């Protein structure tokens, strides 16, 4: 136990899983006064409660978090975040699909709940720090805080943390990022934690059955449109762009003459979905909005970086170009497959996350196709 951390309080976001539980234990061992916070995201009287037991955020998860806190002598609070989760995560998720984009709700959850609201709660409790069980680490370099990839490449979660800033990093602890997952389970077993062998949650928490289409269908207004090829030729009809995502092959509802077709573009202005062969999914340029630089400073245009276009993709080299309106472009050295609006592009300098932004549909390179499709549809 470190004496330097005595009288320092840290609020730990605890989902009931092994990662956040071990984060709380490690901080306790370091001498911090730990307060566990579990967020209530759903009305548990709803009939989805039993299904949520298979994912996360169930009442069993709450009890697991409470048990760990009890074991280390920490306070535990179960806080109602249903309103905030519905507004900032679920509504965002549905809205993005309705615009023909493919959202990553974990980004919104991290950005607005796990850090923004958690930090406000910590200030209310007069705590010194907040902490989560993410696999990433924070280093202080002179007067700047840097976000570094987690030690375990298979579990690294730095991608979903690209929106952090210096204000949050100054207050944030990520105690498990220096360990591989196997070591985290060993620590949990060593301390006899109730959830030491608990499986990792794999699904989006509010859609545990993975049937996104059924979930979205209940919440959106259907808007019919055409399925076209890259020349604007109409190949079929559809009942809503929310049913499609870039790179999709199955469920297109059209004849392909034996050749595989994939969704290559989605036009929200006229509800047209463009399909084509796999080669039409390959692109070098990515337009980004809401770009965030963790240091608070823009890197130079000529710097060589690596970037990921989705959570599970491999980093690829390229260059960052700043635009006058505050947006940016990333130009990959080699074409990337299925660059998807709504997802995040996160750029790295070796193991350090510099920042990222949300991928946008680049209208400047597709305007002729969209216009032609409108004429053919009329």
Protein backbone atom coordinates (compact mmCIF):
# COMPACT_ATOMS: atom_id res chain seq x y z
CA UNK A 1 0.00 0.00 0.00
CA UNK A 2 1.33 3.43 -0.94
CA UNK A 3 1.22 6.11 1.77
CA UNK A 4 1.21 8.80 -0.92
CA UNK A 5 -2.31 7.76 -1.91
CA UNK A 6 -3.74 7.87 1.63
CA UNK A 7 -6.70 10.22 1.87
CA UNK A 8 -7.03 10.23 -1.94
CA UNK A 9 -10.43 9.09 -3.17
CA UNK A 10 -11.15 7.46 -6.51
CA UNK A 11 -14.59 6.73 -7.98
CA UNK A 12 -14.46 3.48 -9.97
CA UNK A 13 -17.04 2.69 -12.67
CA UNK A 14 -17.96 -0.93 -11.91
CA UNK A 15 -20.01 -2.96 -14.37
CA UNK A 16 -19.86 -6.15 -12.34
CA UNK A 17 -17.28 -7.66 -14.69
CA UNK A 18 -13.84 -8.90 -13.74
CA UNK A 19 -11.93 -6.00 -15.34
CA UNK A 20 -13.55 -3.15 -13.41
CA UNK A 21 -13.54 -5.28 -10.24
CA UNK A 22 -9.79 -5.86 -10.46
CA UNK A 23 -9.32 -2.15 -11.20
CA UNK A 24 -11.02 -1.40 -7.87
CA UNK A 25 -8.91 -3.99 -6.06
CA UNK A 26 -5.63 -2.68 -7.50
CA UNK A 27 -6.47 0.90 -6.54
CA UNK A 28 -7.42 -0.27 -3.05
CA UNK A 29 -4.04 -2.00 -2.76
CA UNK A 30 -2.34 1.22 -3.86
CA UNK A 31 -3.86 2.97 -0.87
CA UNK A 32 -6.75 4.81 -2.46
CA UNK A 33 -10.12 5.23 -0.78
CA UNK A 34 -12.28 3.47 -3.39
CA UNK A 35 -15.92 4.28 -4.12
CA UNK A 36 -17.63 1.93 -6.55
CA UNK A 37 -20.33 3.25 -8.87
CA UNK A 38 -22.57 1.02 -10.96
CA UNK A 39 -24.81 2.70 -13.51
CA UNK A 40 -28.42 1.64 -13.89
CA UNK A 41 -29.02 1.90 -17.63
CA UNK A 42 -32.29 0.00 -18.02
CA UNK A 43 -35.66 -0.26 -16.28
CA UNK A 44 -35.23 -3.77 -14.87
CA UNK A 45 -38.93 -4.39 -14.60
CA UNK A 46 -38.91 -4.49 -18.40
CA UNK A 47 -39.15 -7.95 -19.96
CA UNK A 48 -35.62 -7.61 -21.32
CA UNK A 49 -34.15 -8.09 -17.85
CA UNK A 50 -33.71 -11.84 -18.17
CA UNK A 51 -31.97 -11.43 -21.52
CA UNK A 52 -29.61 -8.84 -20.08
CA UNK A 53 -28.26 -11.47 -17.71
CA UNK A 54 -26.51 -12.92 -20.77
CA UNK A 55 -24.85 -9.62 -21.65
CA UNK A 56 -24.12 -7.04 -18.98
CA UNK A 57 -25.83 -4.50 -16.74
CA UNK A 58 -28.16 -7.06 -15.11
CA UNK A 59 -29.13 -7.09 -11.45
CA UNK A 60 -26.66 -9.96 -10.99
CA UNK A 61 -23.90 -7.67 -12.29
CA UNK A 62 -24.89 -5.02 -9.76
CA UNK A 63 -24.66 -7.55 -6.95
CA UNK A 64 -21.24 -8.74 -8.20
CA UNK A 65 -19.94 -5.16 -8.10
CA UNK A 66 -21.43 -4.63 -4.65
CA UNK A 67 -19.81 -7.87 -3.43
CA UNK A 68 -16.34 -6.77 -4.58
CA UNK A 69 -16.76 -3.39 -2.87
CA UNK A 70 -17.86 -5.11 0.30
CA UNK A 71 -14.77 -7.31 0.16
CA UNK A 72 -12.35 -4.35 0.02
CA UNK A 73 -14.34 -2.20 2.42
CA UNK A 74 -15.41 0.30 -0.24
CA UNK A 75 -18.67 2.20 -0.53
CA UNK A 76 -20.87 1.24 -3.47
CA UNK A 77 -23.50 3.35 -5.19
CA UNK A 78 -26.07 2.15 -7.70
CA UNK A 79 -26.97 5.26 -9.71
CA UNK A 80 -29.85 5.72 -12.13
CA UNK A 81 -28.53 6.76 -15.55
CA UNK A 82 -31.51 5.49 -17.58
CA UNK A 83 -32.45 8.95 -18.88
CA UNK A 84 -28.89 9.83 -19.89
CA UNK A 85 -28.28 6.43 -21.49
CA UNK A 86 -31.48 6.64 -23.50
CA UNK A 87 -30.70 10.18 -24.66
CA UNK A 88 -27.00 9.90 -25.42
CA UNK A 89 -26.62 6.25 -26.43
CA UNK A 90 -29.85 4.62 -27.59
CA UNK A 91 -31.29 7.66 -29.37
CA UNK A 92 -27.91 8.30 -31.00
CA UNK A 93 -27.69 4.65 -32.08
CA UNK A 94 -31.11 4.67 -33.74
CA UNK A 95 -30.62 8.13 -35.30
CA UNK A 96 -27.34 7.13 -36.91
CA UNK A 97 -28.85 4.06 -38.56
CA UNK A 98 -31.74 6.17 -39.81
CA UNK A 99 -29.15 8.41 -41.52
CA UNK A 100 -27.52 5.43 -43.23
CA UNK A 101 -24.54 5.47 -40.87
CA UNK A 102 -23.15 2.66 -38.71
CA UNK A 103 -22.72 3.85 -35.11
CA UNK A 104 -20.47 2.47 -32.39
CA UNK A 105 -22.56 3.04 -29.23
CA UNK A 106 -19.67 2.19 -26.88
CA UNK A 107 -18.02 5.43 -28.00
CA UNK A 108 -21.06 7.48 -27.01
CA UNK A 109 -21.35 5.59 -23.73
CA UNK A 110 -17.70 6.26 -22.87
CA UNK A 111 -17.82 9.88 -23.97
CA UNK A 112 -21.00 11.02 -22.25
CA UNK A 113 -21.57 8.56 -19.39
CA UNK A 114 -18.44 6.75 -18.22
CA UNK A 115 -16.32 9.89 -18.25
CA UNK A 116 -18.41 13.05 -18.51
CA UNK A 117 -21.13 12.15 -16.02
CA UNK A 118 -18.77 10.03 -13.90
CA UNK A 119 -16.44 13.00 -13.53
CA UNK A 120 -19.35 15.19 -12.45
CA UNK A 121 -20.39 12.55 -9.92
CA UNK A 122 -16.83 12.38 -8.61
CA UNK A 123 -16.79 16.14 -8.14
CA UNK A 124 -20.08 15.89 -6.23
CA UNK A 125 -18.53 13.24 -3.98
CA UNK A 126 -15.39 15.39 -3.61
CA UNK A 127 -13.27 12.56 -5.05
CA UNK A 128 -9.79 13.15 -6.44
CA UNK A 129 -9.92 10.72 -9.37
CA UNK A 130 -12.13 8.50 -11.48
CA UNK A 131 -11.19 5.06 -12.82
CA UNK A 132 -12.42 2.41 -15.24
CA UNK A 133 -11.44 -1.11 -16.27
CA UNK A 134 -10.32 -0.20 -19.80
CA UNK A 135 -7.25 -1.84 -21.30
CA UNK A 136 -5.11 1.24 -21.92
CA UNK A 137 -2.60 3.25 -19.91
CA UNK A 138 -1.87 6.89 -19.15
CA UNK A 139 1.61 8.40 -19.01
CA UNK A 140 2.61 11.88 -17.95
CA UNK A 141 5.21 13.45 -20.24
CA UNK A 142 6.35 16.79 -18.82
CA UNK A 143 3.08 18.73 -18.43
CA UNK A 144 1.04 16.58 -20.85
CA UNK A 145 -0.84 13.33 -20.32
CA UNK A 146 -0.57 10.68 -23.04
CA UNK A 147 -2.92 7.79 -23.80
CA UNK A 148 -1.03 4.56 -24.57
CA UNK A 149 -2.28 1.26 -25.94
CA UNK A 150 -2.97 -1.51 -23.45
CA UNK A 151 -0.21 -4.05 -22.85
CA UNK A 152 -2.46 -6.86 -24.11
CA UNK A 153 -2.90 -6.24 -27.86
CA UNK A 154 -5.83 -8.68 -27.98
CA UNK A 155 -7.74 -6.63 -25.38
CA UNK A 156 -6.48 -3.10 -26.13
CA UNK A 157 -9.34 -0.59 -25.83
CA UNK A 158 -7.49 2.62 -26.65
CA UNK A 159 -9.61 2.98 -29.83
CA UNK A 160 -12.76 3.74 -27.83
CA UNK A 161 -10.93 6.34 -25.71
CA UNK A 162 -9.79 8.66 -28.52
CA UNK A 163 -12.20 11.42 -27.38
CA UNK A 164 -10.47 11.91 -24.02
CA UNK A 165 -8.82 15.24 -23.29
CA UNK A 166 -6.24 16.61 -20.87
CA UNK A 167 -8.85 17.61 -18.28
CA UNK A 168 -10.16 14.05 -18.02
CA UNK A 169 -6.75 12.32 -18.29
CA UNK A 170 -5.51 14.39 -15.36
CA UNK A 171 -8.26 12.86 -13.22
CA UNK A 172 -8.39 9.37 -14.75
CA UNK A 173 -6.83 6.11 -13.57
CA UNK A 174 -6.61 3.03 -15.83
CA UNK A 175 -4.97 0.50 -13.51
CA UNK A 176 -5.39 -2.71 -15.53
CA UNK A 177 -3.89 -1.52 -18.83
CA UNK A 178 -0.37 -2.67 -17.91
CA UNK A 179 -1.51 -6.29 -17.54
CA UNK A 180 -2.56 -9.04 -19.96
CA UNK A 181 -6.08 -10.43 -19.49
CA UNK A 182 -4.69 -13.69 -18.08
CA UNK A 183 -3.01 -11.77 -15.26
CA UNK A 184 -6.23 -9.89 -14.48
CA UNK A 185 -8.03 -13.20 -13.96
CA UNK A 186 -5.12 -14.44 -11.82
CA UNK A 187 -5.41 -11.35 -9.60
CA UNK A 188 -9.18 -11.84 -9.34
CA UNK A 189 -8.68 -15.49 -8.33
CA UNK A 190 -5.95 -14.56 -5.85
CA UNK A 191 -8.34 -12.16 -4.11
CA UNK A 192 -11.22 -14.62 -4.29
CA UNK A 193 -13.45 -12.29 -6.28
CA UNK A 194 -16.89 -13.68 -7.00
CA UNK A 195 -16.56 -12.87 -10.70
CA UNK A 196 -13.01 -14.17 -11.31
CA UNK A 197 -14.21 -16.63 -13.96
CA UNK A 198 -17.07 -14.53 -15.30
CA UNK A 199 -17.14 -14.50 -19.14
CA UNK A 200 -16.48 -11.22 -20.93
CA UNK A 201 -19.50 -9.39 -22.31
CA UNK A 202 -19.41 -9.49 -26.12
CA UNK A 203 -22.63 -7.80 -27.23
CA UNK A 204 -24.02 -4.30 -27.29
CA UNK A 205 -25.57 -4.24 -23.84
CA UNK A 206 -29.05 -3.10 -24.87
CA UNK A 207 -29.31 -5.63 -27.75
CA UNK A 208 -28.10 -8.88 -26.16
CA UNK A 209 -29.73 -11.09 -28.81
CA UNK A 210 -27.63 -9.30 -31.52
CA UNK A 211 -30.68 -8.75 -33.71
CA UNK A 212 -29.97 -5.10 -34.52
CA UNK A 213 -32.38 -5.05 -37.46
CA UNK A 214 -35.36 -6.11 -35.37
CA UNK A 215 -34.44 -3.60 -32.66
CA UNK A 216 -34.08 -0.69 -35.13
CA UNK A 217 -37.20 -1.64 -37.12
CA UNK A 218 -39.32 -1.01 -34.03
CA UNK A 219 -37.93 2.49 -33.58
CA UNK A 220 -37.58 4.07 -37.02
CA UNK A 221 -39.90 5.34 -39.71
CA UNK A 222 -39.38 3.28 -42.85
CA UNK A 223 -38.25 5.25 -45.89
CA UNK A 224 -38.28 3.44 -49.23
CA UNK A 225 -35.50 3.91 -51.76
CA UNK A 226 -33.64 2.34 -54.64
CA UNK A 227 -30.71 -0.04 -54.78
CA UNK A 228 -28.35 1.16 -57.51
CA UNK A 229 -24.95 0.33 -58.95
CA UNK A 230 -22.03 2.75 -59.33
CA UNK A 231 -23.43 3.94 -62.69
CA UNK A 232 -26.78 4.84 -61.13
CA UNK A 233 -28.72 1.93 -62.66
CA UNK A 234 -31.62 0.82 -60.46
CA UNK A 235 -31.29 -2.83 -59.47
CA UNK A 236 -34.11 -3.04 -56.93
CA UNK A 237 -36.01 -1.39 -54.09
CA UNK A 238 -35.65 -1.37 -50.32
CA UNK A 239 -37.76 -0.17 -47.38
CA UNK A 240 -35.15 1.74 -45.38
CA UNK A 241 -31.45 2.66 -45.42
CA UNK A 242 -31.29 1.69 -41.75
CA UNK A 243 -31.17 -1.93 -42.93
CA UNK A 244 -27.78 -1.47 -44.60
CA UNK A 245 -24.16 -0.86 -43.69
CA UNK A 246 -21.05 -0.39 -45.82
CA UNK A 247 -19.52 -3.75 -46.73
CA UNK A 248 -22.77 -5.68 -46.21
CA UNK A 249 -23.30 -8.64 -48.55
CA UNK A 250 -26.25 -10.60 -47.17
CA UNK A 251 -29.87 -9.48 -47.23
CA UNK A 252 -29.62 -7.12 -50.20
CA UNK A 253 -32.74 -8.55 -51.83
CA UNK A 254 -31.47 -8.32 -55.42
CA UNK A 255 -30.13 -10.69 -58.06
CA UNK A 256 -26.34 -10.55 -58.48
CA UNK A 257 -25.85 -12.74 -61.59
CA UNK A 258 -23.62 -15.03 -59.56
CA UNK A 259 -21.16 -12.28 -58.67
CA UNK A 260 -20.94 -11.14 -55.03
CA UNK A 261 -22.29 -7.63 -54.45
CA UNK A 262 -21.61 -5.46 -51.44
CA UNK A 263 -23.02 -2.20 -50.13
CA UNK A 264 -20.49 0.43 -51.22
CA UNK A 265 -22.32 3.70 -50.46
CA UNK A 266 -25.48 4.89 -48.70
CA UNK A 267 -27.09 8.18 -49.74
CA UNK A 268 -29.24 9.62 -46.97
CA UNK A 269 -30.37 12.58 -49.10
CA UNK A 270 -32.41 10.35 -51.46
CA UNK A 271 -32.43 7.00 -49.57
CA UNK A 272 -30.49 5.22 -52.31
CA UNK A 273 -28.18 2.32 -51.50
CA UNK A 274 -25.29 1.70 -53.88
CA UNK A 275 -23.90 -1.80 -54.38
CA UNK A 276 -20.94 -3.12 -56.32
CA UNK A 277 -18.11 -5.66 -56.42
CA UNK A 278 -15.58 -5.96 -53.61
CA UNK A 279 -13.05 -3.75 -55.37
CA UNK A 280 -15.41 -0.76 -55.07
CA UNK A 281 -15.10 -1.01 -51.27
CA UNK A 282 -11.41 -0.12 -51.43
CA UNK A 283 -10.62 3.55 -50.67
CA UNK A 284 -7.63 5.60 -49.58
CA UNK A 285 -9.21 8.86 -48.38
CA UNK A 286 -11.27 9.26 -45.21
CA UNK A 287 -13.16 12.44 -44.28
CA UNK A 288 -13.58 13.00 -40.54
CA UNK A 289 -15.67 15.34 -38.40
CA UNK A 290 -15.63 16.11 -34.66
CA UNK A 291 -11.88 15.55 -34.67
CA UNK A 292 -10.27 15.39 -31.24
CA UNK A 293 -6.58 15.68 -30.39
CA UNK A 294 -5.84 14.31 -26.93
CA UNK A 295 -2.93 16.69 -26.35
CA UNK A 296 -5.09 19.66 -27.35
CA UNK A 297 -2.63 20.44 -30.16
CA UNK A 298 -2.88 19.52 -33.85
CA UNK A 299 -0.03 17.41 -35.22
CA UNK A 300 1.64 18.70 -38.38
CA UNK A 301 0.26 17.63 -41.77
CA UNK A 302 3.52 15.98 -42.84
CA UNK A 303 3.73 13.57 -39.90
CA UNK A 304 3.41 9.85 -40.71
CA UNK A 305 0.83 8.08 -38.57
CA UNK A 306 -1.04 4.80 -38.36
CA UNK A 307 -4.83 4.68 -38.15
CA UNK A 308 -7.63 2.21 -37.49
CA UNK A 309 -11.00 2.55 -39.25
CA UNK A 310 -12.84 0.30 -36.79
CA UNK A 311 -12.32 -1.25 -33.38
CA UNK A 312 -11.06 -4.65 -34.60
CA UNK A 313 -9.15 -3.48 -37.69
CA UNK A 314 -5.38 -3.45 -37.97
CA UNK A 315 -3.55 -0.09 -37.97
CA UNK A 316 -2.41 1.08 -41.41
CA UNK A 317 -0.01 3.90 -42.29
CA UNK A 318 -0.99 7.19 -43.84
CA UNK A 319 -1.01 10.98 -43.49
CA UNK A 320 -3.32 13.40 -41.72
CA UNK A 321 -4.55 16.52 -43.54
CA UNK A 322 -6.25 19.35 -41.64
CA UNK A 323 -9.16 21.13 -43.32
CA UNK A 324 -10.09 24.79 -42.87
CA UNK A 325 -13.52 24.01 -41.35
CA UNK A 326 -11.97 22.02 -38.49
CA UNK A 327 -12.56 18.64 -40.10
CA UNK A 328 -9.69 16.48 -41.34
CA UNK A 329 -8.82 13.86 -43.91
CA UNK A 330 -6.67 10.80 -43.45
CA UNK A 331 -4.99 9.49 -46.59
CA UNK A 332 -3.92 5.86 -46.33
CA UNK A 333 -0.83 4.67 -48.17
CA UNK A 334 -2.75 1.56 -49.23
CA UNK A 335 -6.52 1.32 -49.89
CA UNK A 336 -8.65 0.16 -46.97
CA UNK A 337 -11.76 -2.02 -47.25
CA UNK A 338 -15.24 -0.84 -46.26
CA UNK A 339 -14.52 2.55 -44.68
CA UNK A 340 -17.81 3.14 -42.87
CA UNK A 341 -19.45 6.50 -42.01
CA UNK A 342 -20.43 6.63 -38.35
CA UNK A 343 -17.44 4.62 -37.16
CA UNK A 344 -14.35 6.30 -35.74
CA UNK A 345 -10.97 6.69 -37.36
CA UNK A 346 -8.34 6.73 -34.62
CA UNK A 347 -4.74 7.66 -35.32
CA UNK A 348 -1.64 6.50 -33.49
CA UNK A 349 2.02 7.46 -33.28
CA UNK A 350 3.57 4.11 -32.45
CA UNK A 351 1.72 3.03 -29.26
CA UNK A 352 0.35 6.48 -28.39
CA UNK A 353 -3.16 7.58 -29.35
CA UNK A 354 -3.03 11.08 -30.83
CA UNK A 355 -6.78 11.35 -31.36
CA UNK A 356 -9.41 10.62 -33.95
CA UNK A 357 -12.69 11.64 -35.51
CA UNK A 358 -15.94 10.26 -36.87
CA UNK A 359 -15.94 8.99 -40.43
CA UNK A 360 -18.18 10.97 -42.77
CA UNK A 361 -19.56 10.31 -46.24
CA UNK A 362 -17.37 12.30 -48.62
CA UNK A 363 -19.98 13.90 -50.90
CA UNK A 364 -17.36 15.61 -53.06
CA UNK A 365 -16.27 12.28 -54.52
CA UNK A 366 -19.76 10.82 -54.98
CA UNK A 367 -22.01 13.70 -55.97
CA UNK A 368 -22.34 12.62 -59.62
CA UNK A 369 -23.56 9.15 -58.65
CA UNK A 370 -26.13 10.46 -56.18
CA UNK A 371 -27.50 13.00 -58.67
CA UNK A 372 -27.74 10.44 -61.43
CA UNK A 373 -29.59 8.06 -59.15
CA UNK A 374 -32.18 10.72 -58.35
CA UNK A 375 -32.87 11.21 -62.05
CA UNK A 376 -33.16 7.49 -62.68
CA UNK A 377 -35.49 7.07 -59.71
CA UNK A 378 -37.90 9.82 -60.84
